[in-house]
Amino acid sequence: MSAAYTGSRDMVISLLEHGASREPIDGKGKRAIDYARDKGLKRLLGLVVAIK
């Protein structure tokens, strides 16, 4: 979650490649993809969606 919030592309890639879930929700009701979208991080948003 914090990797997406801070825009850490390499960390997001590593986490997703090692099986991190895209679906956890934080205390504010947001997912990593929500933070990427809210911050306008289009490349990061694409990664969260694309890497399986």
N, C-alpha and C. Protein backbone atom coordinates (compact mmCIF):
# COMPACT_ATOMS: atom_id res chain seq x y z
N MET A 1 0.83 -1.18 0.00
CA MET A 1 0.00 0.00 0.00
C MET A 1 0.88 1.25 0.00
N SER A 2 1.86 1.30 0.90
CA SER A 2 2.68 2.50 0.95
C SER A 2 3.57 2.64 -0.29
N ALA A 3 3.91 1.53 -0.93
CA ALA A 3 4.70 1.60 -2.16
C ALA A 3 3.90 2.33 -3.24
N ALA A 4 2.63 2.04 -3.34
CA ALA A 4 1.78 2.72 -4.32
C ALA A 4 1.55 4.17 -3.91
N TYR A 5 1.38 4.41 -2.63
CA TYR A 5 1.14 5.76 -2.13
C TYR A 5 2.32 6.68 -2.43
N THR A 6 3.54 6.15 -2.27
CA THR A 6 4.73 6.97 -2.49
C THR A 6 5.20 6.95 -3.93
N GLY A 7 4.59 6.10 -4.75
CA GLY A 7 4.96 6.04 -6.17
C GLY A 7 6.22 5.24 -6.43
N SER A 8 6.54 4.31 -5.54
CA SER A 8 7.75 3.51 -5.68
C SER A 8 7.53 2.38 -6.68
N ARG A 9 7.81 2.68 -7.95
CA ARG A 9 7.56 1.75 -9.05
C ARG A 9 8.27 0.42 -8.85
N ASP A 10 9.56 0.44 -8.54
CA ASP A 10 10.32 -0.81 -8.38
C ASP A 10 9.77 -1.67 -7.26
N MET A 11 9.37 -1.04 -6.16
CA MET A 11 8.82 -1.79 -5.03
C MET A 11 7.47 -2.40 -5.39
N VAL A 12 6.65 -1.66 -6.09
CA VAL A 12 5.34 -2.18 -6.52
C VAL A 12 5.54 -3.40 -7.42
N ILE A 13 6.47 -3.30 -8.37
CA ILE A 13 6.75 -4.43 -9.26
C ILE A 13 7.20 -5.64 -8.46
N SER A 14 8.14 -5.44 -7.56
CA SER A 14 8.66 -6.55 -6.76
C SER A 14 7.56 -7.20 -5.92
N LEU A 15 6.77 -6.38 -5.26
CA LEU A 15 5.70 -6.92 -4.42
C LEU A 15 4.69 -7.73 -5.24
N LEU A 16 4.29 -7.19 -6.37
CA LEU A 16 3.31 -7.89 -7.20
C LEU A 16 3.89 -9.18 -7.78
N GLU A 17 5.15 -9.14 -8.20
CA GLU A 17 5.78 -10.34 -8.74
C GLU A 17 5.95 -11.43 -7.69
N HIS A 18 5.99 -11.03 -6.43
CA HIS A 18 6.14 -12.00 -5.35
C HIS A 18 4.80 -12.34 -4.68
N GLY A 19 3.72 -12.01 -5.36
CA GLY A 19 2.41 -12.47 -4.92
C GLY A 19 1.62 -11.55 -4.02
N ALA A 20 2.04 -10.30 -3.87
CA ALA A 20 1.26 -9.38 -3.04
C ALA A 20 -0.14 -9.20 -3.65
N SER A 21 -1.11 -9.15 -2.79
CA SER A 21 -2.48 -8.97 -3.25
C SER A 21 -2.75 -7.52 -3.62
N ARG A 22 -3.57 -7.33 -4.62
CA ARG A 22 -3.99 -5.99 -5.02
C ARG A 22 -5.21 -5.52 -4.24
N GLU A 23 -5.80 -6.40 -3.49
CA GLU A 23 -7.10 -6.11 -2.90
C GLU A 23 -7.13 -5.65 -1.44
N PRO A 24 -6.02 -5.70 -0.68
CA PRO A 24 -6.15 -5.25 0.72
C PRO A 24 -6.63 -3.80 0.79
N ILE A 25 -7.41 -3.54 1.80
CA ILE A 25 -7.97 -2.21 2.01
C ILE A 25 -7.41 -1.67 3.32
N ASP A 26 -6.97 -0.41 3.30
CA ASP A 26 -6.41 0.18 4.51
C ASP A 26 -7.52 0.76 5.39
N GLY A 27 -7.12 1.43 6.45
CA GLY A 27 -8.08 2.01 7.40
C GLY A 27 -8.94 3.12 6.81
N LYS A 28 -8.53 3.65 5.66
CA LYS A 28 -9.32 4.69 5.00
C LYS A 28 -10.23 4.11 3.92
N GLY A 29 -10.23 2.78 3.79
CA GLY A 29 -11.07 2.13 2.80
C GLY A 29 -10.49 2.17 1.39
N LYS A 30 -9.16 2.37 1.28
CA LYS A 30 -8.54 2.46 -0.03
C LYS A 30 -7.62 1.28 -0.30
N ARG A 31 -7.51 0.95 -1.60
CA ARG A 31 -6.58 -0.07 -2.07
C ARG A 31 -5.39 0.63 -2.72
N ALA A 32 -4.34 -0.11 -3.00
CA ALA A 32 -3.15 0.46 -3.64
C ALA A 32 -3.52 1.13 -4.95
N ILE A 33 -4.41 0.51 -5.70
CA ILE A 33 -4.81 1.06 -6.99
C ILE A 33 -5.52 2.41 -6.81
N ASP A 34 -6.22 2.58 -5.70
CA ASP A 34 -6.90 3.85 -5.43
C ASP A 34 -5.88 4.96 -5.20
N TYR A 35 -4.81 4.65 -4.46
CA TYR A 35 -3.77 5.65 -4.21
C TYR A 35 -3.08 6.04 -5.51
N ALA A 36 -2.76 5.05 -6.32
CA ALA A 36 -2.11 5.33 -7.60
C ALA A 36 -3.00 6.21 -8.46
N ARG A 37 -4.28 5.92 -8.50
CA ARG A 37 -5.23 6.71 -9.30
C ARG A 37 -5.37 8.12 -8.73
N ASP A 38 -5.52 8.23 -7.41
CA ASP A 38 -5.70 9.53 -6.78
C ASP A 38 -4.52 10.46 -7.00
N LYS A 39 -3.32 9.90 -7.03
CA LYS A 39 -2.12 10.71 -7.18
C LYS A 39 -1.75 10.93 -8.65
N GLY A 40 -2.56 10.39 -9.56
CA GLY A 40 -2.29 10.58 -10.98
C GLY A 40 -1.07 9.82 -11.47
N LEU A 41 -0.76 8.73 -10.82
CA LEU A 41 0.40 7.92 -11.18
C LEU A 41 -0.01 6.88 -12.22
N LYS A 42 -0.17 7.35 -13.45
CA LYS A 42 -0.71 6.50 -14.51
C LYS A 42 0.15 5.28 -14.79
N ARG A 43 1.46 5.45 -14.81
CA ARG A 43 2.34 4.29 -15.05
C ARG A 43 2.21 3.28 -13.92
N LEU A 44 2.16 3.76 -12.70
CA LEU A 44 2.02 2.87 -11.56
C LEU A 44 0.66 2.19 -11.57
N LEU A 45 -0.35 2.92 -11.92
CA LEU A 45 -1.70 2.37 -12.02
C LEU A 45 -1.71 1.23 -13.03
N GLY A 46 -1.07 1.44 -14.18
CA GLY A 46 -0.97 0.39 -15.19
C GLY A 46 -0.27 -0.85 -14.68
N LEU A 47 0.78 -0.67 -13.87
CA LEU A 47 1.50 -1.80 -13.31
C LEU A 47 0.63 -2.61 -12.36
N VAL A 48 -0.08 -1.91 -11.50
CA VAL A 48 -0.93 -2.59 -10.52
C VAL A 48 -1.97 -3.44 -11.24
N VAL A 49 -2.45 -2.95 -12.36
CA VAL A 49 -3.47 -3.67 -13.13
C VAL A 49 -2.84 -4.78 -13.97
N ALA A 50 -1.68 -4.53 -14.56
CA ALA A 50 -1.10 -5.45 -15.54
C ALA A 50 -0.35 -6.63 -14.96
N ILE A 51 0.43 -6.45 -13.92
CA ILE A 51 1.25 -7.54 -13.40
C ILE A 51 0.38 -8.53 -12.66
N LYS A 52 0.50 -9.78 -13.09
CA LYS A 52 -0.33 -10.82 -12.46
C LYS A 52 0.53 -11.87 -11.81
